[in-house]
N, C-alpha and C. Protein backbone atom coordinates (compact mmCIF):
# COMPACT_ATOMS: atom_id res chain seq x y z
N UNK A 1 -10.05 -72.58 11.06
CA UNK A 1 -8.64 -72.29 11.18
C UNK A 1 -7.98 -73.27 12.14
N UNK A 2 -6.72 -73.50 11.94
CA UNK A 2 -5.98 -74.39 12.82
C UNK A 2 -5.46 -73.62 14.01
N UNK A 3 -5.50 -74.22 15.18
CA UNK A 3 -4.99 -73.61 16.39
C UNK A 3 -3.53 -73.32 16.21
N UNK A 4 -3.12 -72.11 16.56
CA UNK A 4 -1.71 -71.76 16.43
C UNK A 4 -1.35 -71.21 15.07
N UNK A 5 -2.29 -71.19 14.13
CA UNK A 5 -1.99 -70.70 12.80
C UNK A 5 -2.95 -69.59 12.41
N UNK A 6 -3.70 -69.08 13.36
CA UNK A 6 -4.60 -67.98 13.09
C UNK A 6 -3.79 -66.73 12.82
N UNK A 7 -4.42 -65.73 12.23
CA UNK A 7 -3.73 -64.46 12.00
C UNK A 7 -3.23 -63.87 13.31
N UNK A 8 -4.03 -63.99 14.37
CA UNK A 8 -3.64 -63.46 15.66
C UNK A 8 -2.36 -64.14 16.15
N UNK A 9 -2.30 -65.44 15.98
CA UNK A 9 -1.10 -66.18 16.41
C UNK A 9 0.10 -65.80 15.56
N UNK A 10 -0.11 -65.62 14.26
CA UNK A 10 1.00 -65.23 13.40
C UNK A 10 1.51 -63.86 13.81
N UNK A 11 0.60 -62.95 14.15
CA UNK A 11 1.01 -61.62 14.58
C UNK A 11 1.85 -61.71 15.84
N UNK A 12 1.46 -62.57 16.78
CA UNK A 12 2.21 -62.70 18.03
C UNK A 12 3.59 -63.26 17.78
N UNK A 13 3.72 -64.11 16.77
CA UNK A 13 5.03 -64.68 16.49
C UNK A 13 5.97 -63.64 15.92
N UNK A 14 5.42 -62.55 15.46
CA UNK A 14 6.25 -61.46 14.95
C UNK A 14 6.56 -61.61 13.49
N UNK A 15 6.64 -60.50 12.82
CA UNK A 15 6.90 -60.51 11.39
C UNK A 15 8.37 -60.39 11.06
N UNK A 16 9.21 -60.12 12.04
CA UNK A 16 10.62 -59.90 11.76
C UNK A 16 11.36 -61.18 11.44
N UNK A 17 10.82 -62.30 11.90
CA UNK A 17 11.48 -63.57 11.63
C UNK A 17 12.66 -63.85 12.53
N UNK A 18 12.90 -63.00 13.51
CA UNK A 18 14.03 -63.24 14.41
C UNK A 18 13.71 -64.42 15.31
N UNK A 19 14.73 -65.13 15.68
CA UNK A 19 14.56 -66.31 16.52
C UNK A 19 13.96 -65.95 17.86
N UNK A 20 14.42 -64.86 18.47
CA UNK A 20 13.89 -64.47 19.78
C UNK A 20 12.41 -64.15 19.70
N UNK A 21 12.00 -63.42 18.67
CA UNK A 21 10.59 -63.09 18.50
C UNK A 21 9.77 -64.35 18.29
N UNK A 22 10.25 -65.25 17.46
CA UNK A 22 9.54 -66.50 17.20
C UNK A 22 9.45 -67.35 18.46
N UNK A 23 10.51 -67.39 19.26
CA UNK A 23 10.51 -68.17 20.49
C UNK A 23 9.47 -67.64 21.47
N UNK A 24 9.38 -66.32 21.60
CA UNK A 24 8.39 -65.72 22.50
C UNK A 24 7.00 -66.03 22.01
N UNK A 25 6.76 -65.89 20.71
CA UNK A 25 5.45 -66.19 20.14
C UNK A 25 5.08 -67.65 20.34
N UNK A 26 6.02 -68.55 20.12
CA UNK A 26 5.75 -69.98 20.31
C UNK A 26 5.42 -70.27 21.76
N UNK A 27 6.15 -69.64 22.68
CA UNK A 27 5.87 -69.87 24.10
C UNK A 27 4.46 -69.41 24.46
N UNK A 28 4.03 -68.29 23.87
CA UNK A 28 2.67 -67.79 24.13
C UNK A 28 1.63 -68.77 23.59
N UNK A 29 1.86 -69.24 22.39
CA UNK A 29 0.91 -70.18 21.76
C UNK A 29 0.91 -71.50 22.54
N UNK A 30 2.09 -71.98 22.94
CA UNK A 30 2.18 -73.21 23.72
C UNK A 30 1.47 -73.05 25.05
N UNK A 31 1.59 -71.88 25.67
CA UNK A 31 0.89 -71.61 26.93
C UNK A 31 -0.63 -71.68 26.72
N UNK A 32 -1.12 -71.06 25.65
CA UNK A 32 -2.56 -71.12 25.36
C UNK A 32 -3.01 -72.56 25.12
N UNK A 33 -2.19 -73.31 24.40
CA UNK A 33 -2.53 -74.71 24.14
C UNK A 33 -2.59 -75.48 25.45
N UNK A 34 -1.61 -75.27 26.32
CA UNK A 34 -1.60 -75.95 27.61
C UNK A 34 -2.81 -75.56 28.45
N UNK A 35 -3.21 -74.30 28.39
CA UNK A 35 -4.38 -73.84 29.14
C UNK A 35 -5.65 -74.54 28.65
N UNK A 36 -5.69 -74.92 27.38
CA UNK A 36 -6.88 -75.59 26.84
C UNK A 36 -7.06 -76.99 27.43
N UNK A 37 -6.05 -77.49 28.15
CA UNK A 37 -6.19 -78.78 28.84
C UNK A 37 -7.26 -78.71 29.92
N UNK A 38 -7.54 -77.52 30.41
CA UNK A 38 -8.54 -77.34 31.46
C UNK A 38 -9.97 -77.45 30.93
N UNK A 39 -10.15 -77.23 29.63
CA UNK A 39 -11.48 -77.26 29.04
C UNK A 39 -11.98 -78.70 28.91
N UNK A 40 -13.29 -78.86 28.83
CA UNK A 40 -13.86 -80.20 28.70
C UNK A 40 -13.70 -80.76 27.29
N UNK A 41 -13.64 -79.87 26.29
CA UNK A 41 -13.48 -80.30 24.90
C UNK A 41 -12.35 -79.48 24.27
N UNK A 42 -11.71 -80.02 23.24
CA UNK A 42 -10.67 -79.25 22.56
C UNK A 42 -11.26 -77.96 21.97
N UNK A 43 -10.45 -76.91 21.85
CA UNK A 43 -10.93 -75.66 21.28
C UNK A 43 -11.41 -75.84 19.84
N UNK A 44 -12.37 -75.02 19.45
CA UNK A 44 -12.86 -75.05 18.07
C UNK A 44 -11.72 -74.70 17.13
N UNK A 45 -11.67 -75.37 16.00
CA UNK A 45 -10.65 -75.09 15.00
C UNK A 45 -9.35 -75.82 15.21
N UNK A 46 -9.25 -76.61 16.24
CA UNK A 46 -8.04 -77.36 16.51
C UNK A 46 -7.92 -78.50 15.49
N UNK A 47 -6.71 -78.74 15.00
CA UNK A 47 -6.53 -79.85 14.07
C UNK A 47 -6.81 -81.17 14.78
N UNK A 48 -7.12 -82.20 14.02
CA UNK A 48 -7.35 -83.53 14.61
C UNK A 48 -6.11 -84.03 15.34
N UNK A 49 -4.94 -83.76 14.78
CA UNK A 49 -3.70 -84.21 15.40
C UNK A 49 -3.51 -83.54 16.77
N UNK A 50 -3.69 -82.23 16.83
CA UNK A 50 -3.53 -81.52 18.10
C UNK A 50 -4.63 -81.89 19.09
N UNK A 51 -5.84 -82.11 18.59
CA UNK A 51 -6.93 -82.55 19.48
C UNK A 51 -6.58 -83.90 20.08
N UNK A 52 -5.96 -84.76 19.28
CA UNK A 52 -5.52 -86.05 19.79
C UNK A 52 -4.50 -85.91 20.90
N UNK A 53 -3.56 -84.99 20.74
CA UNK A 53 -2.55 -84.78 21.77
C UNK A 53 -3.17 -84.21 23.04
N UNK A 54 -4.14 -83.32 22.91
CA UNK A 54 -4.83 -82.80 24.09
C UNK A 54 -5.57 -83.91 24.82
N UNK A 55 -6.27 -84.74 24.06
CA UNK A 55 -7.02 -85.84 24.69
C UNK A 55 -6.06 -86.82 25.36
N UNK A 56 -4.93 -87.06 24.73
CA UNK A 56 -3.93 -87.93 25.35
C UNK A 56 -3.43 -87.34 26.66
N UNK A 57 -3.16 -86.04 26.68
CA UNK A 57 -2.68 -85.38 27.89
C UNK A 57 -3.70 -85.46 29.01
N UNK A 58 -4.98 -85.57 28.64
CA UNK A 58 -6.04 -85.68 29.64
C UNK A 58 -6.29 -87.14 30.04
N UNK A 59 -5.51 -88.06 29.47
CA UNK A 59 -5.61 -89.46 29.85
C UNK A 59 -6.63 -90.26 29.07
N UNK A 60 -7.12 -89.72 27.97
CA UNK A 60 -8.14 -90.41 27.16
C UNK A 60 -7.49 -90.93 25.88
N UNK A 61 -6.76 -92.05 26.00
CA UNK A 61 -6.03 -92.61 24.86
C UNK A 61 -6.98 -92.98 23.72
N UNK A 62 -8.13 -93.54 24.05
CA UNK A 62 -9.06 -93.98 23.01
C UNK A 62 -9.53 -92.82 22.15
N UNK A 63 -9.96 -91.74 22.78
CA UNK A 63 -10.42 -90.58 22.01
C UNK A 63 -9.25 -89.89 21.31
N UNK A 64 -8.07 -89.94 21.91
CA UNK A 64 -6.88 -89.39 21.27
C UNK A 64 -6.60 -90.15 19.98
N UNK A 65 -6.70 -91.46 20.05
CA UNK A 65 -6.48 -92.31 18.89
C UNK A 65 -7.52 -92.05 17.81
N UNK A 66 -8.77 -91.89 18.22
CA UNK A 66 -9.84 -91.58 17.26
C UNK A 66 -9.57 -90.26 16.54
N UNK A 67 -9.10 -89.26 17.28
CA UNK A 67 -8.77 -87.97 16.67
C UNK A 67 -7.63 -88.11 15.67
N UNK A 68 -6.58 -88.81 16.07
CA UNK A 68 -5.43 -88.98 15.17
C UNK A 68 -5.84 -89.71 13.89
N UNK A 69 -6.72 -90.68 14.02
CA UNK A 69 -7.16 -91.44 12.85
C UNK A 69 -7.94 -90.59 11.86
N UNK A 70 -8.54 -89.52 12.33
CA UNK A 70 -9.32 -88.65 11.43
C UNK A 70 -8.43 -87.81 10.52
N UNK A 71 -7.15 -87.68 10.87
CA UNK A 71 -6.19 -86.95 10.04
C UNK A 71 -5.34 -87.97 9.31
N UNK A 72 -5.57 -88.12 8.03
CA UNK A 72 -4.85 -89.13 7.25
C UNK A 72 -3.51 -88.63 6.71
N UNK A 73 -3.15 -87.41 7.07
CA UNK A 73 -1.88 -86.85 6.62
C UNK A 73 -0.73 -87.19 7.55
N UNK A 74 0.37 -86.49 7.35
CA UNK A 74 1.58 -86.75 8.14
C UNK A 74 1.42 -86.39 9.61
N UNK A 75 0.71 -85.28 9.88
CA UNK A 75 0.54 -84.88 11.28
C UNK A 75 -0.25 -85.93 12.06
N UNK A 76 -1.35 -86.38 11.49
CA UNK A 76 -2.14 -87.41 12.14
C UNK A 76 -1.38 -88.71 12.28
N UNK A 77 -0.59 -89.05 11.28
CA UNK A 77 0.23 -90.26 11.34
C UNK A 77 1.27 -90.17 12.43
N UNK A 78 1.84 -88.98 12.61
CA UNK A 78 2.86 -88.79 13.64
C UNK A 78 2.24 -88.96 15.03
N UNK A 79 1.10 -88.34 15.25
CA UNK A 79 0.41 -88.49 16.54
C UNK A 79 -0.01 -89.94 16.73
N UNK A 80 -0.48 -90.56 15.66
CA UNK A 80 -0.87 -91.97 15.69
C UNK A 80 0.32 -92.84 16.12
N UNK A 81 1.48 -92.55 15.56
CA UNK A 81 2.70 -93.28 15.91
C UNK A 81 3.02 -93.13 17.39
N UNK A 82 3.00 -91.88 17.85
CA UNK A 82 3.26 -91.60 19.26
C UNK A 82 2.30 -92.39 20.16
N UNK A 83 1.02 -92.38 19.81
CA UNK A 83 0.03 -93.06 20.64
C UNK A 83 0.26 -94.57 20.70
N UNK A 84 0.62 -95.18 19.56
CA UNK A 84 0.89 -96.63 19.58
C UNK A 84 2.19 -96.94 20.32
N UNK A 85 3.15 -96.04 20.23
CA UNK A 85 4.38 -96.21 21.02
C UNK A 85 4.04 -96.16 22.51
N UNK A 86 3.20 -95.22 22.89
CA UNK A 86 2.78 -95.09 24.28
C UNK A 86 2.03 -96.33 24.73
N UNK A 87 1.24 -96.88 23.84
CA UNK A 87 0.46 -98.08 24.12
C UNK A 87 1.38 -99.30 24.29
N UNK A 88 2.58 -99.22 23.73
CA UNK A 88 3.51 -100.34 23.80
C UNK A 88 3.53 -101.19 22.55
N UNK A 89 2.81 -100.78 21.52
CA UNK A 89 2.75 -101.52 20.26
C UNK A 89 3.80 -100.95 19.31
N UNK A 90 5.05 -101.37 19.51
CA UNK A 90 6.18 -100.80 18.77
C UNK A 90 6.10 -101.06 17.26
N UNK A 91 5.62 -102.22 16.87
CA UNK A 91 5.51 -102.53 15.45
C UNK A 91 4.52 -101.61 14.75
N UNK A 92 3.37 -101.41 15.35
CA UNK A 92 2.36 -100.51 14.79
C UNK A 92 2.88 -99.07 14.81
N UNK A 93 3.56 -98.69 15.88
CA UNK A 93 4.14 -97.35 15.97
C UNK A 93 5.13 -97.12 14.83
N UNK A 94 5.99 -98.11 14.57
CA UNK A 94 6.99 -97.98 13.50
C UNK A 94 6.31 -97.75 12.15
N UNK A 95 5.21 -98.46 11.90
CA UNK A 95 4.46 -98.28 10.66
C UNK A 95 3.98 -96.83 10.54
N UNK A 96 3.42 -96.27 11.62
CA UNK A 96 2.88 -94.91 11.58
C UNK A 96 3.99 -93.86 11.51
N UNK A 97 5.13 -94.12 12.15
CA UNK A 97 6.26 -93.20 12.00
C UNK A 97 6.67 -93.15 10.52
N UNK A 98 6.68 -94.30 9.88
CA UNK A 98 7.03 -94.37 8.47
C UNK A 98 6.04 -93.56 7.64
N UNK A 99 4.75 -93.69 7.92
CA UNK A 99 3.72 -92.93 7.20
C UNK A 99 3.87 -91.43 7.44
N UNK A 100 4.37 -91.06 8.61
CA UNK A 100 4.57 -89.65 8.95
C UNK A 100 5.91 -89.14 8.40
N UNK A 101 6.71 -90.04 7.83
CA UNK A 101 8.05 -89.71 7.34
C UNK A 101 8.94 -89.21 8.48
N UNK A 102 8.83 -89.88 9.62
CA UNK A 102 9.60 -89.55 10.81
C UNK A 102 10.36 -90.80 11.27
N UNK A 103 11.53 -90.62 11.87
CA UNK A 103 12.21 -91.78 12.45
C UNK A 103 11.48 -92.24 13.71
N UNK A 104 11.61 -93.50 14.03
CA UNK A 104 11.03 -94.01 15.27
C UNK A 104 11.67 -93.25 16.43
N UNK A 105 10.84 -92.73 17.29
CA UNK A 105 11.32 -91.90 18.40
C UNK A 105 11.87 -92.78 19.52
N UNK A 106 12.94 -92.32 20.13
CA UNK A 106 13.56 -93.03 21.25
C UNK A 106 13.57 -92.18 22.52
N UNK A 107 13.10 -90.94 22.43
CA UNK A 107 13.10 -90.08 23.61
C UNK A 107 11.92 -90.43 24.52
N UNK A 108 11.95 -89.97 25.76
CA UNK A 108 10.82 -90.25 26.66
C UNK A 108 9.50 -89.75 26.07
N UNK A 109 8.43 -90.42 26.41
CA UNK A 109 7.12 -90.09 25.84
C UNK A 109 6.71 -88.65 26.08
N UNK A 110 6.95 -88.14 27.28
CA UNK A 110 6.55 -86.75 27.55
C UNK A 110 7.35 -85.76 26.72
N UNK A 111 8.60 -86.06 26.47
CA UNK A 111 9.43 -85.20 25.62
C UNK A 111 8.96 -85.27 24.17
N UNK A 112 8.59 -86.46 23.72
CA UNK A 112 8.09 -86.58 22.35
C UNK A 112 6.77 -85.82 22.21
N UNK A 113 5.87 -85.96 23.17
CA UNK A 113 4.59 -85.25 23.14
C UNK A 113 4.84 -83.75 22.97
N UNK A 114 5.74 -83.20 23.79
CA UNK A 114 6.02 -81.77 23.74
C UNK A 114 6.66 -81.38 22.40
N UNK A 115 7.53 -82.21 21.89
CA UNK A 115 8.17 -81.94 20.59
C UNK A 115 7.13 -81.87 19.48
N UNK A 116 6.19 -82.82 19.49
CA UNK A 116 5.16 -82.84 18.46
C UNK A 116 4.30 -81.58 18.59
N UNK A 117 3.88 -81.26 19.80
CA UNK A 117 3.04 -80.07 20.02
C UNK A 117 3.75 -78.83 19.49
N UNK A 118 5.01 -78.65 19.85
CA UNK A 118 5.76 -77.46 19.43
C UNK A 118 5.82 -77.36 17.91
N UNK A 119 6.09 -78.47 17.27
CA UNK A 119 6.21 -78.44 15.81
C UNK A 119 4.84 -78.20 15.16
N UNK A 120 3.81 -78.85 15.66
CA UNK A 120 2.49 -78.66 15.06
C UNK A 120 1.93 -77.27 15.31
N UNK A 121 2.30 -76.65 16.41
CA UNK A 121 1.86 -75.29 16.69
C UNK A 121 2.71 -74.24 15.97
N UNK A 122 3.99 -74.59 15.72
CA UNK A 122 4.93 -73.63 15.18
C UNK A 122 4.71 -73.35 13.75
């Protein structure tokens, strides 16, 4: 199962579909994700894209990049783009943003990291 998409996580997000309920559920899931930064390895069942973001947050760009490369879909491409932008390779980042079907990001790196995490967990 993917982190943040388990039945338990869906239950916490609430079945009513209200924005307030979803916001509370997302905050709980985001808190759990942030707590996993303390662990030595990403939690079991975490997607490659999210594992890459965790590794990046821990300062391991190389392993973060390896994780992102294992996901050939849009999520992995998006994380891949973020990582190359962080590295300073804007041309390579633009290619990966295109593969992710996302515009090239112009916001600060920490804000982009959080945006990606929220969307991938949501």
